[in-house]
Amino acid sequence: PTAKGEALWAFLPRPCRLHTSACQPNSNRTSIACVSRQKYGRMYPVLLVRPDGSTIHIRYKEPRRILSVSAEFVPLQIELK
């Protein structure tokens, strides 16, 4: 090996320990290892109908057009307050 050949090897990326590919650290490894969401479920727009007849647009886990709430939900909501 000549000095010119050693200088050429200095500019090339060094191989990783057990792999044959070059080790080039970047942000892709972090994005794969760290997941901020707990679920990957899709949410669908749904019209929620309350017992008094009022409606609210919400996001729901199942694809439905209308979701009605029973009268038993209202006393439960008052108890939670």
PDB file of N, CA and C in Angstrom:
ATOM      1  N   PRO A   1       0.825  -1.195   0.000  1.00  0.00           N
ATOM      2  CA  PRO A   1       0.000   0.000   0.000  1.00  0.00           C
ATOM      3  C   PRO A   1       0.859   1.246   0.000  1.00  0.00           C
ATOM      4  N   THR A   2       0.535   2.096  -0.877  1.00  0.00           N
ATOM      5  CA  THR A   2       1.267   3.358  -0.985  1.00  0.00           C
ATOM      6  C   THR A   2       0.559   4.441  -0.186  1.00  0.00           C
ATOM      7  N   ALA A   3       1.219   5.568  -0.055  1.00  0.00           N
ATOM      8  CA  ALA A   3       0.623   6.684   0.678  1.00  0.00           C
ATOM      9  C   ALA A   3      -0.596   7.216  -0.057  1.00  0.00           C
ATOM     10  N   LYS A   4      -0.544   7.140  -1.393  1.00  0.00           N
ATOM     11  CA  LYS A   4      -1.669   7.605  -2.190  1.00  0.00           C
ATOM     12  C   LYS A   4      -2.879   6.688  -1.996  1.00  0.00           C
ATOM     13  N   GLY A   5      -2.634   5.375  -1.914  1.00  0.00           N
ATOM     14  CA  GLY A   5      -3.714   4.412  -1.693  1.00  0.00           C
ATOM     15  C   GLY A   5      -4.327   4.541  -0.311  1.00  0.00           C
ATOM     16  N   GLU A   6      -3.497   4.808   0.700  1.00  0.00           N
ATOM     17  CA  GLU A   6      -4.006   4.994   2.058  1.00  0.00           C
ATOM     18  C   GLU A   6      -4.843   6.267   2.161  1.00  0.00           C
ATOM     19  N   ALA A   7      -4.452   7.297   1.440  1.00  0.00           N
ATOM     20  CA  ALA A   7      -5.221   8.541   1.441  1.00  0.00           C
ATOM     21  C   ALA A   7      -6.592   8.321   0.804  1.00  0.00           C
ATOM     22  N   LEU A   8      -6.647   7.464  -0.207  1.00  0.00           N
ATOM     23  CA  LEU A   8      -7.918   7.151  -0.859  1.00  0.00           C
ATOM     24  C   LEU A   8      -8.845   6.411   0.097  1.00  0.00           C
ATOM     25  N   TRP A   9      -8.295   5.458   0.869  1.00  0.00           N
ATOM     26  CA  TRP A   9      -9.108   4.698   1.825  1.00  0.00           C
ATOM     27  C   TRP A   9      -9.609   5.575   2.972  1.00  0.00           C
ATOM     28  N   ALA A  10      -8.912   6.652   3.267  1.00  0.00           N
ATOM     29  CA  ALA A  10      -9.324   7.537   4.355  1.00  0.00           C
ATOM     30  C   ALA A  10     -10.628   8.266   4.025  1.00  0.00           C
ATOM     31  N   PHE A  11     -10.885   8.518   2.732  1.00  0.00           N
ATOM     32  CA  PHE A  11     -12.100   9.226   2.335  1.00  0.00           C
ATOM     33  C   PHE A  11     -13.308   8.304   2.193  1.00  0.00           C
ATOM     34  N   LEU A  12     -13.103   7.026   2.039  1.00  0.00           N
ATOM     35  CA  LEU A  12     -14.214   6.088   1.878  1.00  0.00           C
ATOM     36  C   LEU A  12     -14.819   5.750   3.235  1.00  0.00           C
ATOM     37  N   PRO A  13     -16.148   5.490   3.279  1.00  0.00           N
ATOM     38  CA  PRO A  13     -16.757   5.127   4.565  1.00  0.00           C
ATOM     39  C   PRO A  13     -16.251   3.770   5.046  1.00  0.00           C
ATOM     40  N   ARG A  14     -16.041   3.661   6.336  1.00  0.00           N
ATOM     41  CA  ARG A  14     -15.530   2.416   6.903  1.00  0.00           C
ATOM     42  C   ARG A  14     -16.673   1.423   7.090  1.00  0.00           C
ATOM     43  N   PRO A  15     -16.425   0.143   6.871  1.00  0.00           N
ATOM     44  CA  PRO A  15     -17.497  -0.843   7.050  1.00  0.00           C
ATOM     45  C   PRO A  15     -17.845  -1.019   8.527  1.00  0.00           C
ATOM     46  N   CYS A  16     -19.111  -1.373   8.791  1.00  0.00           N
ATOM     47  CA  CYS A  16     -19.552  -1.644  10.160  1.00  0.00           C
ATOM     48  C   CYS A  16     -18.993  -2.975  10.626  1.00  0.00           C
ATOM     49  N   ARG A  17     -19.189  -3.294  11.876  1.00  0.00           N
ATOM     50  CA  ARG A  17     -18.555  -4.455  12.486  1.00  0.00           C
ATOM     51  C   ARG A  17     -18.906  -5.774  11.799  1.00  0.00           C
ATOM     52  N   LEU A  18     -20.189  -6.120  11.757  1.00  0.00           N
ATOM     53  CA  LEU A  18     -20.578  -7.410  11.197  1.00  0.00           C
ATOM     54  C   LEU A  18     -21.214  -7.302   9.818  1.00  0.00           C
ATOM     55  N   HIS A  19     -21.463  -6.104   9.372  1.00  0.00           N
ATOM     56  CA  HIS A  19     -22.138  -5.918   8.097  1.00  0.00           C
ATOM     57  C   HIS A  19     -21.130  -5.565   7.007  1.00  0.00           C
ATOM     58  N   THR A  20     -21.528  -5.845   5.791  1.00  0.00           N
ATOM     59  CA  THR A  20     -20.656  -5.502   4.670  1.00  0.00           C
ATOM     60  C   THR A  20     -20.926  -4.099   4.159  1.00  0.00           C
ATOM     61  N   SER A  21     -22.073  -3.510   4.544  1.00  0.00           N
ATOM     62  CA  SER A  21     -22.382  -2.164   4.083  1.00  0.00           C
ATOM     63  C   SER A  21     -21.677  -1.129   4.948  1.00  0.00           C
ATOM     64  N   ALA A  22     -21.559   0.058   4.412  1.00  0.00           N
ATOM     65  CA  ALA A  22     -20.897   1.129   5.146  1.00  0.00           C
ATOM     66  C   ALA A  22     -21.821   1.665   6.233  1.00  0.00           C
ATOM     67  N   CYS A  23     -21.246   2.082   7.321  1.00  0.00           N
ATOM     68  CA  CYS A  23     -22.001   2.617   8.456  1.00  0.00           C
ATOM     69  C   CYS A  23     -22.129   4.122   8.285  1.00  0.00           C
ATOM     70  N   GLN A  24     -23.325   4.584   7.943  1.00  0.00           N
ATOM     71  CA  GLN A  24     -23.575   6.006   7.773  1.00  0.00           C
ATOM     72  C   GLN A  24     -24.754   6.390   8.660  1.00  0.00           C
ATOM     73  N   PRO A  25     -24.497   6.925   9.841  1.00  0.00           N
ATOM     74  CA  PRO A  25     -25.594   7.262  10.753  1.00  0.00           C
ATOM     75  C   PRO A  25     -26.460   8.389  10.199  1.00  0.00           C
ATOM     76  N   ASN A  26     -27.780   8.232  10.337  1.00  0.00           N
ATOM     77  CA  ASN A  26     -28.723   9.263   9.923  1.00  0.00           C
ATOM     78  C   ASN A  26     -29.975   9.174  10.795  1.00  0.00           C
ATOM     79  N   SER A  27     -30.999   9.922  10.472  1.00  0.00           N
ATOM     80  CA  SER A  27     -32.196   9.991  11.303  1.00  0.00           C
ATOM     81  C   SER A  27     -33.173   8.843  11.055  1.00  0.00           C
ATOM     82  N   ASN A  28     -32.983   8.017  10.036  1.00  0.00           N
ATOM     83  CA  ASN A  28     -33.930   6.948   9.738  1.00  0.00           C
ATOM     84  C   ASN A  28     -33.998   5.911  10.852  1.00  0.00           C
ATOM     85  N   ARG A  29     -32.915   5.608  11.477  1.00  0.00           N
ATOM     86  CA  ARG A  29     -32.904   4.606  12.531  1.00  0.00           C
ATOM     87  C   ARG A  29     -33.739   5.068  13.728  1.00  0.00           C
ATOM     88  N   THR A  30     -33.655   6.320  14.075  1.00  0.00           N
ATOM     89  CA  THR A  30     -34.415   6.850  15.196  1.00  0.00           C
ATOM     90  C   THR A  30     -35.901   6.853  14.898  1.00  0.00           C
ATOM     91  N   SER A  31     -36.293   7.196  13.688  1.00  0.00           N
ATOM     92  CA  SER A  31     -37.713   7.250  13.363  1.00  0.00           C
ATOM     93  C   SER A  31     -38.343   5.868  13.356  1.00  0.00           C
ATOM     94  N   ILE A  32     -37.581   4.844  13.063  1.00  0.00           N
ATOM     95  CA  ILE A  32     -38.120   3.483  13.080  1.00  0.00           C
ATOM     96  C   ILE A  32     -38.213   2.965  14.507  1.00  0.00           C
ATOM     97  N   ALA A  33     -37.254   3.290  15.339  1.00  0.00           N
ATOM     98  CA  ALA A  33     -37.209   2.749  16.696  1.00  0.00           C
ATOM     99  C   ALA A  33     -38.186   3.437  17.640  1.00  0.00           C
ATOM    100  N   CYS A  34     -38.476   4.690  17.440  1.00  0.00           N
ATOM    101  CA  CYS A  34     -39.320   5.443  18.368  1.00  0.00           C
ATOM    102  C   CYS A  34     -40.685   5.685  17.735  1.00  0.00           C
ATOM    103  N   VAL A  35     -41.731   5.102  18.316  1.00  0.00           N
ATOM    104  CA  VAL A  35     -43.090   5.277  17.817  1.00  0.00           C
ATOM    105  C   VAL A  35     -43.864   6.081  18.851  1.00  0.00           C
ATOM    106  N   SER A  36     -44.397   7.207  18.447  1.00  0.00           N
ATOM    107  CA  SER A  36     -45.099   8.061  19.400  1.00  0.00           C
ATOM    108  C   SER A  36     -46.559   7.658  19.580  1.00  0.00           C
ATOM    109  N   ARG A  37     -47.164   6.987  18.603  1.00  0.00           N
ATOM    110  CA  ARG A  37     -48.560   6.578  18.723  1.00  0.00           C
ATOM    111  C   ARG A  37     -48.671   5.186  19.325  1.00  0.00           C
ATOM    112  N   GLN A  38     -49.706   4.962  20.125  1.00  0.00           N
ATOM    113  CA  GLN A  38     -49.924   3.643  20.698  1.00  0.00           C
ATOM    114  C   GLN A  38     -50.743   2.761  19.762  1.00  0.00           C
ATOM    115  N   LYS A  39     -51.659   3.375  18.984  1.00  0.00           N
ATOM    116  CA  LYS A  39     -52.499   2.614  18.058  1.00  0.00           C
ATOM    117  C   LYS A  39     -52.398   3.234  16.672  1.00  0.00           C
ATOM    118  N   TYR A  40     -52.591   2.420  15.675  1.00  0.00           N
ATOM    119  CA  TYR A  40     -52.561   2.899  14.302  1.00  0.00           C
ATOM    120  C   TYR A  40     -53.948   2.838  13.675  1.00  0.00           C
ATOM    121  N   GLY A  41     -54.992   2.940  14.494  1.00  0.00           N
ATOM    122  CA  GLY A  41     -56.351   2.834  13.977  1.00  0.00           C
ATOM    123  C   GLY A  41     -56.783   4.062  13.215  1.00  0.00           C
ATOM    124  N   ARG A  42     -57.655   3.856  12.235  1.00  0.00           N
ATOM    125  CA  ARG A  42     -58.198   4.974  11.476  1.00  0.00           C
ATOM    126  C   ARG A  42     -59.480   5.432  12.143  1.00  0.00           C
ATOM    127  N   MET A  43     -59.713   6.718  12.181  1.00  0.00           N
ATOM    128  CA  MET A  43     -60.922   7.274  12.763  1.00  0.00           C
ATOM    129  C   MET A  43     -61.803   7.810  11.637  1.00  0.00           C
ATOM    130  N   TYR A  44     -63.127   7.533  11.726  1.00  0.00           N
ATOM    131  CA  TYR A  44     -64.081   7.910  10.695  1.00  0.00           C
ATOM    132  C   TYR A  44     -64.995   9.020  11.206  1.00  0.00           C
ATOM    133  N   PRO A  45     -65.401   9.946  10.337  1.00  0.00           N
ATOM    134  CA  PRO A  45     -66.346  10.980  10.771  1.00  0.00           C
ATOM    135  C   PRO A  45     -67.741  10.384  10.944  1.00  0.00           C
ATOM    136  N   VAL A  46     -68.363  10.610  12.118  1.00  0.00           N
ATOM    137  CA  VAL A  46     -69.662  10.030  12.460  1.00  0.00           C
ATOM    138  C   VAL A  46     -70.528  11.121  13.077  1.00  0.00           C
ATOM    139  N   LEU A  47     -71.843  11.037  12.832  1.00  0.00           N
ATOM    140  CA  LEU A  47     -72.795  11.954  13.437  1.00  0.00           C
ATOM    141  C   LEU A  47     -73.340  11.300  14.701  1.00  0.00           C
ATOM    142  N   LEU A  48     -73.096  11.892  15.864  1.00  0.00           N
ATOM    143  CA  LEU A  48     -73.554  11.373  17.149  1.00  0.00           C
ATOM    144  C   LEU A  48     -74.870  12.049  17.505  1.00  0.00           C
ATOM    145  N   VAL A  49     -75.920  11.236  17.755  1.00  0.00           N
ATOM    146  CA  VAL A  49     -77.238  11.757  18.117  1.00  0.00           C
ATOM    147  C   VAL A  49     -77.450  11.534  19.604  1.00  0.00           C
ATOM    148  N   ARG A  50     -77.645  12.605  20.346  1.00  0.00           N
ATOM    149  CA  ARG A  50     -77.890  12.536  21.788  1.00  0.00           C
ATOM    150  C   ARG A  50     -79.357  12.202  22.063  1.00  0.00           C
ATOM    151  N   PRO A  51     -79.686  11.790  23.291  1.00  0.00           N
ATOM    152  CA  PRO A  51     -81.084  11.453  23.618  1.00  0.00           C
ATOM    153  C   PRO A  51     -82.052  12.625  23.459  1.00  0.00           C
ATOM    154  N   ASP A  52     -81.589  13.866  23.621  1.00  0.00           N
ATOM    155  CA  ASP A  52     -82.480  15.023  23.468  1.00  0.00           C
ATOM    156  C   ASP A  52     -82.656  15.437  22.009  1.00  0.00           C
ATOM    157  N   GLY A  53     -81.973  14.753  21.087  1.00  0.00           N
ATOM    158  CA  GLY A  53     -82.118  15.036  19.663  1.00  0.00           C
ATOM    159  C   GLY A  53     -81.006  15.893  19.085  1.00  0.00           C
ATOM    160  N   SER A  54     -80.158  16.446  19.912  1.00  0.00           N
ATOM    161  CA  SER A  54     -79.049  17.255  19.406  1.00  0.00           C
ATOM    162  C   SER A  54     -77.991  16.355  18.770  1.00  0.00           C
ATOM    163  N   THR A  55     -77.245  16.905  17.845  1.00  0.00           N
ATOM    164  CA  THR A  55     -76.246  16.117  17.112  1.00  0.00           C
ATOM    165  C   THR A  55     -74.871  16.760  17.229  1.00  0.00           C
ATOM    166  N   ILE A  56     -73.853  15.907  17.157  1.00  0.00           N
ATOM    167  CA  ILE A  56     -72.459  16.336  17.208  1.00  0.00           C
ATOM    168  C   ILE A  56     -71.684  15.523  16.180  1.00  0.00           C
ATOM    169  N   HIS A  57     -70.775  16.165  15.478  1.00  0.00           N
ATOM    170  CA  HIS A  57     -69.872  15.450  14.574  1.00  0.00           C
ATOM    171  C   HIS A  57     -68.645  15.014  15.366  1.00  0.00           C
ATOM    172  N   ILE A  58     -68.368  13.702  15.366  1.00  0.00           N
ATOM    173  CA  ILE A  58     -67.224  13.161  16.102  1.00  0.00           C
ATOM    174  C   ILE A  58     -66.417  12.255  15.187  1.00  0.00           C
ATOM    175  N   ARG A  59     -65.264  11.797  15.669  1.00  0.00           N
ATOM    176  CA  ARG A  59     -64.446  10.800  14.968  1.00  0.00           C
ATOM    177  C   ARG A  59     -64.594   9.500  15.737  1.00  0.00           C
ATOM    178  N   TYR A  60     -64.914   8.379  15.025  1.00  0.00           N
ATOM    179  CA  TYR A  60     -65.184   7.098  15.662  1.00  0.00           C
ATOM    180  C   TYR A  60     -64.368   6.016  14.983  1.00  0.00           C
ATOM    181  N   LYS A  61     -64.066   4.948  15.722  1.00  0.00           N
ATOM    182  CA  LYS A  61     -63.182   3.902  15.207  1.00  0.00           C
ATOM    183  C   LYS A  61     -63.822   3.010  14.153  1.00  0.00           C
ATOM    184  N   GLU A  62     -65.173   2.974  14.076  1.00  0.00           N
ATOM    185  CA  GLU A  62     -65.869   2.152  13.083  1.00  0.00           C
ATOM    186  C   GLU A  62     -66.523   3.052  12.042  1.00  0.00           C
ATOM    187  N   PRO A  63     -66.569   2.610  10.780  1.00  0.00           N
ATOM    188  CA  PRO A  63     -67.187   3.440   9.733  1.00  0.00           C
ATOM    189  C   PRO A  63     -68.713   3.380   9.803  1.00  0.00           C
ATOM    190  N   ARG A  64     -69.337   4.335  10.478  1.00  0.00           N
ATOM    191  CA  ARG A  64     -70.791   4.443  10.581  1.00  0.00           C
ATOM    192  C   ARG A  64     -71.192   5.853  10.192  1.00  0.00           C
ATOM    193  N   ARG A  65     -72.448   6.003   9.765  1.00  0.00           N
ATOM    194  CA  ARG A  65     -72.936   7.341   9.443  1.00  0.00           C
ATOM    195  C   ARG A  65     -73.538   8.019  10.670  1.00  0.00           C
ATOM    196  N   ILE A  66     -74.378   7.259  11.405  1.00  0.00           N
ATOM    197  CA  ILE A  66     -75.049   7.820  12.577  1.00  0.00           C
ATOM    198  C   ILE A  66     -74.824   6.897  13.758  1.00  0.00           C
ATOM    199  N   LEU A  67     -74.532   7.488  14.906  1.00  0.00           N
ATOM    200  CA  LEU A  67     -74.354   6.744  16.149  1.00  0.00           C
ATOM    201  C   LEU A  67     -75.259   7.390  17.183  1.00  0.00           C
ATOM    202  N   SER A  68     -76.196   6.605  17.734  1.00  0.00           N
ATOM    203  CA  SER A  68     -77.121   7.165  18.723  1.00  0.00           C
ATOM    204  C   SER A  68     -76.690   6.759  20.124  1.00  0.00           C
ATOM    205  N   VAL A  69     -76.920   7.653  21.074  1.00  0.00           N
ATOM    206  CA  VAL A  69     -76.562   7.420  22.468  1.00  0.00           C
ATOM    207  C   VAL A  69     -77.837   7.128  23.240  1.00  0.00           C
ATOM    208  N   SER A  70     -77.805   6.103  24.086  1.00  0.00           N
ATOM    209  CA  SER A  70     -78.988   5.760  24.874  1.00  0.00           C
ATOM    210  C   SER A  70     -79.191   6.765  26.000  1.00  0.00           C
ATOM    211  N   ALA A  71     -80.372   6.724  26.635  1.00  0.00           N
ATOM    212  CA  ALA A  71     -80.700   7.652  27.723  1.00  0.00           C
ATOM    213  C   ALA A  71     -79.893   7.342  28.978  1.00  0.00           C
ATOM    214  N   GLU A  72     -79.305   6.161  29.089  1.00  0.00           N
ATOM    215  CA  GLU A  72     -78.523   5.785  30.261  1.00  0.00           C
ATOM    216  C   GLU A  72     -77.198   6.544  30.323  1.00  0.00           C
ATOM    217  N   PHE A  73     -76.782   7.114  29.230  1.00  0.00           N
ATOM    218  CA  PHE A  73     -75.504   7.824  29.169  1.00  0.00           C
ATOM    219  C   PHE A  73     -75.562   9.160  29.913  1.00  0.00           C
ATOM    220  N   VAL A  74     -76.703   9.829  29.909  1.00  0.00           N
ATOM    221  CA  VAL A  74     -76.834  11.162  30.500  1.00  0.00           C
ATOM    222  C   VAL A  74     -76.629  11.136  32.021  1.00  0.00           C
ATOM    223  N   PRO A  75     -77.278  10.248  32.809  1.00  0.00           N
ATOM    224  CA  PRO A  75     -76.998  10.225  34.256  1.00  0.00           C
ATOM    225  C   PRO A  75     -75.544   9.868  34.570  1.00  0.00           C
ATOM    226  N   LEU A  76     -74.949   9.028  33.767  1.00  0.00           N
ATOM    227  CA  LEU A  76     -73.555   8.666  33.980  1.00  0.00           C
ATOM    228  C   LEU A  76     -72.655   9.881  33.802  1.00  0.00           C
ATOM    229  N   GLN A  77     -72.980  10.719  32.843  1.00  0.00           N
ATOM    230  CA  GLN A  77     -72.190  11.918  32.591  1.00  0.00           C
ATOM    231  C   GLN A  77     -72.315  12.903  33.757  1.00  0.00           C
ATOM    232  N   ILE A  78     -73.484  12.997  34.374  1.00  0.00           N
ATOM    233  CA  ILE A  78     -73.687  13.900  35.505  1.00  0.00           C
ATOM    234  C   ILE A  78     -72.909  13.407  36.723  1.00  0.00           C
ATOM    235  N   GLU A  79     -72.857  12.090  36.925  1.00  0.00           N
ATOM    236  CA  GLU A  79     -72.134  11.525  38.059  1.00  0.00           C
ATOM    237  C   GLU A  79     -70.628  11.764  37.949  1.00  0.00           C
ATOM    238  N   LEU A  80     -70.098  11.787  36.744  1.00  0.00           N
ATOM    239  CA  LEU A  80     -68.664  11.990  36.554  1.00  0.00           C
ATOM    240  C   LEU A  80     -68.234  13.412  36.882  1.00  0.00           C
ATOM    241  N   LYS A  81     -69.152  14.369  36.766  1.00  0.00           N
ATOM    242  CA  LYS A  81     -68.809  15.765  37.068  1.00  0.00           C
ATOM    243  C   LYS A  81     -68.665  15.919  38.549  1.00  0.00           C
TER     244      LYS A  81
END
